[in-house]
Amino acid sequence: MSTSRLFTSHELRLALHAKFAGSFAGPAIFLNEVYCATTRAWVDKQFTGYIWNFQQARGQLVYRKRANQCEHYALRAALEVTDLFRQMPDASVPAEAESMAVACVKYQKGAATPAAVWHEVNLWFLEGSWWEWEPQTRKFFTFTEAERLTAQQFLIL
């Protein structure tokens, strides 16, 4: 995490409102005041392998359609980020950091199409902005404009 940086919940909230301006949004819930932002390389190289091992151990590598299963994936991933953050000795992470800048968000996948469904994913604060990440495939993706406008229930651990 050599380029990690501290952000206050206020700074992260401003970036959230900038990215999701005009969306369904609603209030964002922040559980801490000071967050450490990481890098895309850390997510791809460190966290993705960690969460894959976690999902494999739980027998959850394959998504099964059940009530709010996607919410469980997103919340578990965000909780695992904070656990990994706590366990990782990293001198580049300032001691004031209370948590990593990762969020859970609900949105309408396929919005403005007949196949639209509600879905929950994670957002990572990287490079000064929030980026969408699918915890079931462990990959970054981008909301369509219609999907972005349906985003709601932001929870930042």
N, C-alpha and C. Protein backbone atom coordinates (compact mmCIF):
# COMPACT_ATOMS: atom_id res chain seq x y z
N MET A 1 0.83 -1.18 0.00
CA MET A 1 0.00 0.00 0.00
C MET A 1 0.88 1.24 0.00
N SER A 2 1.89 1.26 -0.76
CA SER A 2 2.87 2.34 -0.71
C SER A 2 2.30 3.72 -1.05
N THR A 3 1.15 3.78 -1.69
CA THR A 3 0.56 5.08 -1.98
C THR A 3 -0.72 5.30 -1.18
N SER A 4 -0.84 4.63 -0.04
CA SER A 4 -2.02 4.80 0.79
C SER A 4 -2.08 6.23 1.30
N ARG A 5 -3.28 6.69 1.59
CA ARG A 5 -3.47 8.05 2.03
C ARG A 5 -4.70 8.13 2.93
N LEU A 6 -4.68 9.02 3.90
CA LEU A 6 -5.81 9.19 4.80
C LEU A 6 -6.83 10.15 4.22
N PHE A 7 -8.11 9.83 4.48
CA PHE A 7 -9.21 10.70 4.11
C PHE A 7 -10.20 10.72 5.27
N THR A 8 -10.82 11.86 5.49
CA THR A 8 -11.87 11.94 6.50
C THR A 8 -13.18 11.47 5.88
N SER A 9 -14.12 11.12 6.74
CA SER A 9 -15.43 10.71 6.23
C SER A 9 -16.06 11.86 5.43
N HIS A 10 -15.79 13.09 5.81
CA HIS A 10 -16.33 14.24 5.08
C HIS A 10 -15.78 14.28 3.65
N GLU A 11 -14.49 14.05 3.48
CA GLU A 11 -13.89 14.03 2.13
C GLU A 11 -14.45 12.89 1.29
N LEU A 12 -14.62 11.74 1.90
CA LEU A 12 -15.18 10.59 1.17
C LEU A 12 -16.64 10.83 0.80
N ARG A 13 -17.38 11.49 1.70
CA ARG A 13 -18.78 11.82 1.43
C ARG A 13 -18.89 12.77 0.24
N LEU A 14 -18.00 13.78 0.18
CA LEU A 14 -18.01 14.72 -0.95
C LEU A 14 -17.74 13.99 -2.27
N ALA A 15 -16.78 13.06 -2.27
CA ALA A 15 -16.48 12.30 -3.48
C ALA A 15 -17.64 11.38 -3.87
N LEU A 16 -18.33 10.85 -2.87
CA LEU A 16 -19.50 10.00 -3.12
C LEU A 16 -20.60 10.82 -3.78
N HIS A 17 -20.86 12.01 -3.24
CA HIS A 17 -21.89 12.88 -3.81
C HIS A 17 -21.51 13.35 -5.21
N ALA A 18 -20.23 13.56 -5.45
CA ALA A 18 -19.79 13.98 -6.78
C ALA A 18 -20.03 12.86 -7.81
N LYS A 19 -19.69 11.63 -7.46
CA LYS A 19 -19.85 10.52 -8.40
C LYS A 19 -21.31 10.17 -8.61
N PHE A 20 -22.11 10.27 -7.56
CA PHE A 20 -23.50 9.84 -7.64
C PHE A 20 -24.48 11.01 -7.64
N ALA A 21 -24.04 12.16 -8.09
CA ALA A 21 -24.91 13.34 -8.17
C ALA A 21 -26.13 12.99 -9.03
N GLY A 22 -27.29 13.34 -8.52
CA GLY A 22 -28.52 13.10 -9.26
C GLY A 22 -29.07 11.70 -9.12
N SER A 23 -28.40 10.84 -8.37
CA SER A 23 -28.89 9.47 -8.23
C SER A 23 -29.89 9.37 -7.09
N PHE A 24 -30.46 8.21 -6.95
CA PHE A 24 -31.43 7.91 -5.89
C PHE A 24 -30.79 8.07 -4.51
N ALA A 25 -29.52 7.83 -4.43
CA ALA A 25 -28.60 7.92 -3.30
C ALA A 25 -29.19 7.86 -1.89
N GLY A 26 -29.70 8.96 -1.37
CA GLY A 26 -30.08 8.99 0.03
C GLY A 26 -28.84 9.18 0.89
N PRO A 27 -28.99 9.16 2.20
CA PRO A 27 -27.83 9.41 3.06
C PRO A 27 -26.84 8.24 3.05
N ALA A 28 -25.59 8.58 3.18
CA ALA A 28 -24.54 7.56 3.30
C ALA A 28 -24.23 7.37 4.78
N ILE A 29 -23.98 6.14 5.17
CA ILE A 29 -23.66 5.83 6.55
C ILE A 29 -22.17 5.53 6.65
N PHE A 30 -21.47 6.34 7.43
CA PHE A 30 -20.04 6.14 7.68
C PHE A 30 -19.88 5.63 9.10
N LEU A 31 -19.14 4.54 9.27
CA LEU A 31 -18.94 3.97 10.59
C LEU A 31 -17.70 4.50 11.29
N ASN A 32 -16.85 5.23 10.56
CA ASN A 32 -15.62 5.79 11.13
C ASN A 32 -15.42 7.21 10.66
N GLU A 33 -14.42 7.88 11.21
CA GLU A 33 -14.11 9.25 10.81
C GLU A 33 -12.89 9.36 9.90
N VAL A 34 -11.92 8.45 10.07
CA VAL A 34 -10.67 8.52 9.31
C VAL A 34 -10.44 7.20 8.58
N TYR A 35 -10.31 7.29 7.27
CA TYR A 35 -10.17 6.09 6.43
C TYR A 35 -8.86 6.13 5.66
N CYS A 36 -8.36 4.94 5.37
CA CYS A 36 -7.16 4.82 4.55
C CYS A 36 -7.60 4.34 3.16
N ALA A 37 -7.27 5.11 2.14
CA ALA A 37 -7.53 4.68 0.76
C ALA A 37 -6.35 3.85 0.30
N THR A 38 -6.63 2.86 -0.48
CA THR A 38 -5.59 1.99 -0.97
C THR A 38 -5.40 2.19 -2.46
N THR A 39 -4.77 1.25 -3.12
CA THR A 39 -4.54 1.33 -4.56
C THR A 39 -5.25 0.18 -5.26
N ARG A 40 -5.49 0.36 -6.55
CA ARG A 40 -6.10 -0.71 -7.34
C ARG A 40 -5.19 -1.95 -7.34
N ALA A 41 -3.89 -1.74 -7.38
CA ALA A 41 -2.95 -2.87 -7.36
C ALA A 41 -3.10 -3.66 -6.07
N TRP A 42 -3.29 -2.98 -4.93
CA TRP A 42 -3.48 -3.69 -3.66
C TRP A 42 -4.75 -4.53 -3.71
N VAL A 43 -5.83 -3.96 -4.24
CA VAL A 43 -7.09 -4.71 -4.34
C VAL A 43 -6.89 -5.93 -5.23
N ASP A 44 -6.30 -5.72 -6.40
CA ASP A 44 -6.12 -6.81 -7.36
C ASP A 44 -5.13 -7.87 -6.88
N LYS A 45 -4.04 -7.46 -6.27
CA LYS A 45 -2.98 -8.41 -5.92
C LYS A 45 -3.08 -8.96 -4.50
N GLN A 46 -3.50 -8.15 -3.57
CA GLN A 46 -3.55 -8.58 -2.17
C GLN A 46 -4.95 -9.05 -1.76
N PHE A 47 -5.93 -8.17 -1.93
CA PHE A 47 -7.26 -8.47 -1.41
C PHE A 47 -8.00 -9.53 -2.21
N THR A 48 -7.89 -9.49 -3.53
CA THR A 48 -8.62 -10.45 -4.37
C THR A 48 -8.26 -11.89 -4.02
N GLY A 49 -6.98 -12.18 -3.85
CA GLY A 49 -6.57 -13.53 -3.45
C GLY A 49 -7.06 -13.89 -2.06
N TYR A 50 -7.01 -12.92 -1.16
CA TYR A 50 -7.46 -13.13 0.22
C TYR A 50 -8.96 -13.47 0.25
N ILE A 51 -9.79 -12.69 -0.46
CA ILE A 51 -11.23 -12.93 -0.41
C ILE A 51 -11.58 -14.20 -1.18
N TRP A 52 -10.83 -14.54 -2.24
CA TRP A 52 -11.07 -15.80 -2.95
C TRP A 52 -10.85 -16.97 -2.00
N ASN A 53 -9.78 -16.95 -1.23
CA ASN A 53 -9.51 -18.01 -0.26
C ASN A 53 -10.62 -18.09 0.77
N PHE A 54 -11.11 -16.94 1.21
CA PHE A 54 -12.20 -16.87 2.19
C PHE A 54 -13.48 -17.48 1.60
N GLN A 55 -13.82 -17.08 0.37
CA GLN A 55 -15.03 -17.60 -0.27
C GLN A 55 -14.91 -19.10 -0.54
N GLN A 56 -13.74 -19.54 -0.94
CA GLN A 56 -13.51 -20.95 -1.20
C GLN A 56 -13.69 -21.77 0.09
N ALA A 57 -13.14 -21.28 1.18
CA ALA A 57 -13.26 -21.98 2.47
C ALA A 57 -14.71 -22.07 2.92
N ARG A 58 -15.52 -21.09 2.56
CA ARG A 58 -16.95 -21.10 2.92
C ARG A 58 -17.81 -21.82 1.89
N GLY A 59 -17.20 -22.27 0.79
CA GLY A 59 -17.98 -22.93 -0.26
C GLY A 59 -18.85 -21.96 -1.02
N GLN A 60 -18.38 -20.73 -1.19
CA GLN A 60 -19.20 -19.69 -1.82
C GLN A 60 -18.59 -19.15 -3.11
N LEU A 61 -17.92 -19.98 -3.87
CA LEU A 61 -17.34 -19.51 -5.12
C LEU A 61 -18.40 -19.36 -6.21
N VAL A 62 -19.53 -20.03 -6.05
CA VAL A 62 -20.60 -19.96 -7.03
C VAL A 62 -21.79 -19.25 -6.40
N TYR A 63 -22.29 -18.26 -7.10
CA TYR A 63 -23.47 -17.53 -6.63
C TYR A 63 -24.70 -18.41 -6.76
N ARG A 64 -25.52 -18.42 -5.74
CA ARG A 64 -26.78 -19.14 -5.77
C ARG A 64 -27.88 -18.12 -5.48
N LYS A 65 -28.93 -18.19 -6.26
CA LYS A 65 -30.03 -17.24 -6.09
C LYS A 65 -30.79 -17.55 -4.81
N ARG A 66 -30.62 -16.69 -3.85
CA ARG A 66 -31.36 -16.77 -2.60
C ARG A 66 -31.63 -15.35 -2.15
N ALA A 67 -32.52 -15.19 -1.24
CA ALA A 67 -32.84 -13.85 -0.75
C ALA A 67 -31.58 -13.13 -0.31
N ASN A 68 -31.39 -11.95 -0.77
CA ASN A 68 -30.30 -11.01 -0.47
C ASN A 68 -28.90 -11.63 -0.40
N GLN A 69 -28.64 -12.63 -1.22
CA GLN A 69 -27.30 -13.22 -1.22
C GLN A 69 -26.24 -12.21 -1.66
N CYS A 70 -26.54 -11.38 -2.65
CA CYS A 70 -25.54 -10.40 -3.10
C CYS A 70 -25.18 -9.43 -1.98
N GLU A 71 -26.16 -9.09 -1.14
CA GLU A 71 -25.87 -8.22 0.00
C GLU A 71 -24.88 -8.90 0.95
N HIS A 72 -25.04 -10.21 1.13
CA HIS A 72 -24.13 -10.95 2.00
C HIS A 72 -22.71 -10.93 1.44
N TYR A 73 -22.58 -11.12 0.13
CA TYR A 73 -21.25 -11.07 -0.51
C TYR A 73 -20.61 -9.70 -0.30
N ALA A 74 -21.36 -8.65 -0.58
CA ALA A 74 -20.81 -7.29 -0.48
C ALA A 74 -20.44 -6.94 0.96
N LEU A 75 -21.31 -7.26 1.90
CA LEU A 75 -21.03 -6.95 3.30
C LEU A 75 -19.87 -7.79 3.81
N ARG A 76 -19.84 -9.08 3.46
CA ARG A 76 -18.73 -9.93 3.89
C ARG A 76 -17.41 -9.42 3.34
N ALA A 77 -17.39 -9.02 2.07
CA ALA A 77 -16.16 -8.51 1.46
C ALA A 77 -15.69 -7.27 2.20
N ALA A 78 -16.60 -6.34 2.49
CA ALA A 78 -16.22 -5.11 3.20
C ALA A 78 -15.71 -5.43 4.60
N LEU A 79 -16.33 -6.38 5.27
CA LEU A 79 -15.86 -6.76 6.60
C LEU A 79 -14.49 -7.44 6.52
N GLU A 80 -14.28 -8.25 5.50
CA GLU A 80 -12.99 -8.90 5.34
C GLU A 80 -11.89 -7.89 5.02
N VAL A 81 -12.23 -6.82 4.32
CA VAL A 81 -11.25 -5.76 4.06
C VAL A 81 -10.76 -5.19 5.39
N THR A 82 -11.70 -4.88 6.28
CA THR A 82 -11.30 -4.30 7.56
C THR A 82 -10.50 -5.30 8.40
N ASP A 83 -10.85 -6.59 8.32
CA ASP A 83 -10.09 -7.60 9.06
C ASP A 83 -8.68 -7.73 8.50
N LEU A 84 -8.55 -7.77 7.18
CA LEU A 84 -7.22 -7.87 6.57
C LEU A 84 -6.40 -6.63 6.89
N PHE A 85 -7.04 -5.48 6.85
CA PHE A 85 -6.38 -4.21 7.18
C PHE A 85 -5.82 -4.25 8.60
N ARG A 86 -6.60 -4.79 9.52
CA ARG A 86 -6.18 -4.87 10.92
C ARG A 86 -5.00 -5.83 11.10
N GLN A 87 -4.99 -6.91 10.33
CA GLN A 87 -3.97 -7.95 10.48
C GLN A 87 -2.67 -7.64 9.74
N MET A 88 -2.73 -6.76 8.75
CA MET A 88 -1.55 -6.51 7.91
C MET A 88 -0.62 -5.47 8.51
N PRO A 89 0.56 -5.86 8.88
CA PRO A 89 1.51 -4.83 9.32
C PRO A 89 2.02 -4.09 8.08
N ASP A 90 1.76 -2.80 8.01
CA ASP A 90 2.18 -2.00 6.86
C ASP A 90 2.58 -0.62 7.35
N ALA A 91 3.85 -0.35 7.34
CA ALA A 91 4.36 0.92 7.86
C ALA A 91 3.87 2.12 7.05
N SER A 92 3.40 1.90 5.81
CA SER A 92 2.94 3.03 5.01
C SER A 92 1.52 3.46 5.37
N VAL A 93 0.82 2.69 6.20
CA VAL A 93 -0.53 3.05 6.61
C VAL A 93 -0.45 3.85 7.91
N PRO A 94 -0.86 5.09 7.88
CA PRO A 94 -0.79 5.92 9.09
C PRO A 94 -1.60 5.33 10.24
N ALA A 95 -1.09 5.47 11.44
CA ALA A 95 -1.74 4.91 12.63
C ALA A 95 -3.13 5.49 12.87
N GLU A 96 -3.40 6.69 12.36
CA GLU A 96 -4.71 7.33 12.59
C GLU A 96 -5.84 6.68 11.80
N ALA A 97 -5.51 5.86 10.81
CA ALA A 97 -6.54 5.23 9.97
C ALA A 97 -7.39 4.28 10.82
N GLU A 98 -8.70 4.49 10.79
CA GLU A 98 -9.62 3.64 11.54
C GLU A 98 -10.10 2.46 10.70
N SER A 99 -10.13 2.63 9.39
CA SER A 99 -10.62 1.59 8.51
C SER A 99 -10.15 1.88 7.09
N MET A 100 -10.42 0.94 6.19
CA MET A 100 -10.14 1.13 4.77
C MET A 100 -11.35 1.80 4.14
N ALA A 101 -11.13 2.53 3.06
CA ALA A 101 -12.21 3.23 2.36
C ALA A 101 -12.87 2.28 1.37
N VAL A 102 -13.80 1.49 1.89
CA VAL A 102 -14.57 0.55 1.07
C VAL A 102 -16.03 0.66 1.50
N ALA A 103 -16.94 0.50 0.54
CA ALA A 103 -18.36 0.68 0.82
C ALA A 103 -19.18 -0.45 0.22
N CYS A 104 -20.40 -0.57 0.71
CA CYS A 104 -21.41 -1.43 0.09
C CYS A 104 -22.46 -0.50 -0.51
N VAL A 105 -22.97 -0.84 -1.68
CA VAL A 105 -23.99 -0.01 -2.33
C VAL A 105 -24.97 -0.90 -3.08
N LYS A 106 -26.23 -0.52 -3.00
CA LYS A 106 -27.29 -1.23 -3.71
C LYS A 106 -27.62 -0.42 -4.96
N TYR A 107 -27.85 -1.11 -6.07
CA TYR A 107 -28.21 -0.42 -7.32
C TYR A 107 -29.05 -1.36 -8.17
N GLN A 108 -29.66 -0.81 -9.21
CA GLN A 108 -30.46 -1.62 -10.11
C GLN A 108 -29.60 -2.06 -11.29
N LYS A 109 -29.14 -3.30 -11.24
CA LYS A 109 -28.32 -3.86 -12.31
C LYS A 109 -29.18 -4.00 -13.57
N GLY A 110 -28.65 -3.48 -14.67
CA GLY A 110 -29.42 -3.50 -15.92
C GLY A 110 -30.54 -2.48 -15.93
N ALA A 111 -30.39 -1.42 -15.15
CA ALA A 111 -31.43 -0.37 -15.08
C ALA A 111 -31.80 0.10 -16.47
N ALA A 112 -33.07 0.45 -16.64
CA ALA A 112 -33.64 0.93 -17.90
C ALA A 112 -33.74 -0.19 -18.94
N THR A 113 -33.66 -1.44 -18.49
CA THR A 113 -33.88 -2.58 -19.39
C THR A 113 -34.92 -3.49 -18.75
N PRO A 114 -35.56 -4.35 -19.53
CA PRO A 114 -36.54 -5.28 -18.95
C PRO A 114 -35.93 -6.27 -17.96
N ALA A 115 -34.62 -6.47 -18.03
CA ALA A 115 -33.95 -7.43 -17.14
C ALA A 115 -33.44 -6.81 -15.85
N ALA A 116 -33.81 -5.59 -15.54
CA ALA A 116 -33.29 -4.89 -14.36
C ALA A 116 -33.65 -5.63 -13.07
N VAL A 117 -32.64 -5.75 -12.18
CA VAL A 117 -32.83 -6.36 -10.86
C VAL A 117 -31.99 -5.59 -9.85
N TRP A 118 -32.42 -5.59 -8.60
CA TRP A 118 -31.64 -4.95 -7.55
C TRP A 118 -30.45 -5.85 -7.22
N HIS A 119 -29.31 -5.21 -7.00
CA HIS A 119 -28.08 -5.95 -6.76
C HIS A 119 -27.20 -5.12 -5.82
N GLU A 120 -26.33 -5.78 -5.05
CA GLU A 120 -25.43 -5.06 -4.15
C GLU A 120 -23.99 -5.43 -4.46
N VAL A 121 -23.13 -4.40 -4.46
CA VAL A 121 -21.71 -4.57 -4.75
C VAL A 121 -20.90 -3.69 -3.79
N ASN A 122 -19.61 -3.68 -3.99
CA ASN A 122 -18.72 -2.82 -3.20
C ASN A 122 -18.23 -1.65 -4.03
N LEU A 123 -17.83 -0.61 -3.34
CA LEU A 123 -17.14 0.53 -3.94
C LEU A 123 -15.81 0.68 -3.20
N TRP A 124 -14.75 0.92 -3.93
CA TRP A 124 -13.43 1.20 -3.36
C TRP A 124 -13.10 2.65 -3.66
N PHE A 125 -12.53 3.36 -2.69
CA PHE A 125 -12.07 4.72 -2.93
C PHE A 125 -10.61 4.63 -3.36
N LEU A 126 -10.38 4.85 -4.65
CA LEU A 126 -9.05 4.75 -5.25
C LEU A 126 -8.81 5.96 -6.14
N GLU A 127 -7.60 6.49 -6.11
CA GLU A 127 -7.22 7.56 -7.02
C GLU A 127 -8.17 8.75 -6.96
N GLY A 128 -8.72 9.03 -5.79
CA GLY A 128 -9.58 10.19 -5.59
C GLY A 128 -11.03 10.03 -5.98
N SER A 129 -11.45 8.80 -6.30
CA SER A 129 -12.84 8.58 -6.68
C SER A 129 -13.29 7.19 -6.22
N TRP A 130 -14.59 6.96 -6.25
CA TRP A 130 -15.16 5.67 -5.88
C TRP A 130 -15.27 4.80 -7.13
N TRP A 131 -14.88 3.51 -7.02
CA TRP A 131 -14.89 2.57 -8.14
C TRP A 131 -15.69 1.33 -7.78
N GLU A 132 -16.50 0.86 -8.71
CA GLU A 132 -17.36 -0.30 -8.51
C GLU A 132 -16.55 -1.59 -8.56
N TRP A 133 -16.88 -2.52 -7.67
CA TRP A 133 -16.19 -3.82 -7.59
C TRP A 133 -17.22 -4.89 -7.25
N GLU A 134 -17.25 -5.94 -8.04
CA GLU A 134 -18.18 -7.06 -7.83
C GLU A 134 -17.51 -8.10 -6.94
N PRO A 135 -17.99 -8.29 -5.71
CA PRO A 135 -17.34 -9.24 -4.80
C PRO A 135 -17.49 -10.70 -5.22
N GLN A 136 -18.51 -11.02 -6.02
CA GLN A 136 -18.70 -12.41 -6.43
C GLN A 136 -17.69 -12.83 -7.50
N THR A 137 -17.27 -11.90 -8.34
CA THR A 137 -16.28 -12.22 -9.37
C THR A 137 -14.91 -11.64 -9.02
N ARG A 138 -14.88 -10.79 -7.99
CA ARG A 138 -13.65 -10.15 -7.53
C ARG A 138 -13.02 -9.30 -8.63
N LYS A 139 -13.86 -8.52 -9.33
CA LYS A 139 -13.38 -7.69 -10.43
C LYS A 139 -14.03 -6.30 -10.40
N PHE A 140 -13.28 -5.32 -10.90
CA PHE A 140 -13.82 -3.99 -11.07
C PHE A 140 -14.71 -3.95 -12.31
N PHE A 141 -15.71 -3.10 -12.29
CA PHE A 141 -16.60 -2.89 -13.43
C PHE A 141 -17.08 -1.44 -13.36
N THR A 142 -17.90 -1.03 -14.29
CA THR A 142 -18.40 0.35 -14.31
C THR A 142 -19.92 0.34 -14.44
N PHE A 143 -20.59 1.12 -13.60
CA PHE A 143 -22.04 1.29 -13.73
C PHE A 143 -22.35 1.96 -15.06
N THR A 144 -23.45 1.57 -15.69
CA THR A 144 -23.96 2.37 -16.79
C THR A 144 -24.54 3.64 -16.16
N GLU A 145 -24.81 4.63 -16.95
CA GLU A 145 -25.40 5.87 -16.42
C GLU A 145 -26.74 5.57 -15.75
N ALA A 146 -27.57 4.72 -16.36
CA ALA A 146 -28.86 4.38 -15.77
C ALA A 146 -28.68 3.65 -14.43
N GLU A 147 -27.69 2.77 -14.34
CA GLU A 147 -27.42 2.07 -13.08
C GLU A 147 -26.93 3.03 -12.01
N ARG A 148 -26.03 3.93 -12.38
CA ARG A 148 -25.48 4.90 -11.43
C ARG A 148 -26.61 5.72 -10.80
N LEU A 149 -27.61 6.06 -11.59
CA LEU A 149 -28.72 6.88 -11.10
C LEU A 149 -29.61 6.15 -10.10
N THR A 150 -29.50 4.83 -10.01
CA THR A 150 -30.32 4.07 -9.05
C THR A 150 -29.59 3.76 -7.75
N ALA A 151 -28.30 4.13 -7.65
CA ALA A 151 -27.49 3.77 -6.48
C ALA A 151 -28.11 4.30 -5.19
N GLN A 152 -28.05 3.47 -4.15
CA GLN A 152 -28.63 3.85 -2.86
C GLN A 152 -28.02 3.01 -1.75
N GLN A 153 -28.36 3.32 -0.52
CA GLN A 153 -27.96 2.58 0.68
C GLN A 153 -26.45 2.41 0.80
N PHE A 154 -25.73 3.52 0.77
CA PHE A 154 -24.27 3.48 0.90
C PHE A 154 -23.89 3.22 2.36
N LEU A 155 -23.08 2.21 2.57
CA LEU A 155 -22.57 1.87 3.90
C LEU A 155 -21.06 1.81 3.79
N ILE A 156 -20.37 2.69 4.47
CA ILE A 156 -18.91 2.77 4.41
C ILE A 156 -18.34 2.32 5.74
N LEU A 157 -17.68 1.15 5.71
CA LEU A 157 -17.18 0.56 6.95
C LEU A 157 -15.87 1.16 7.34
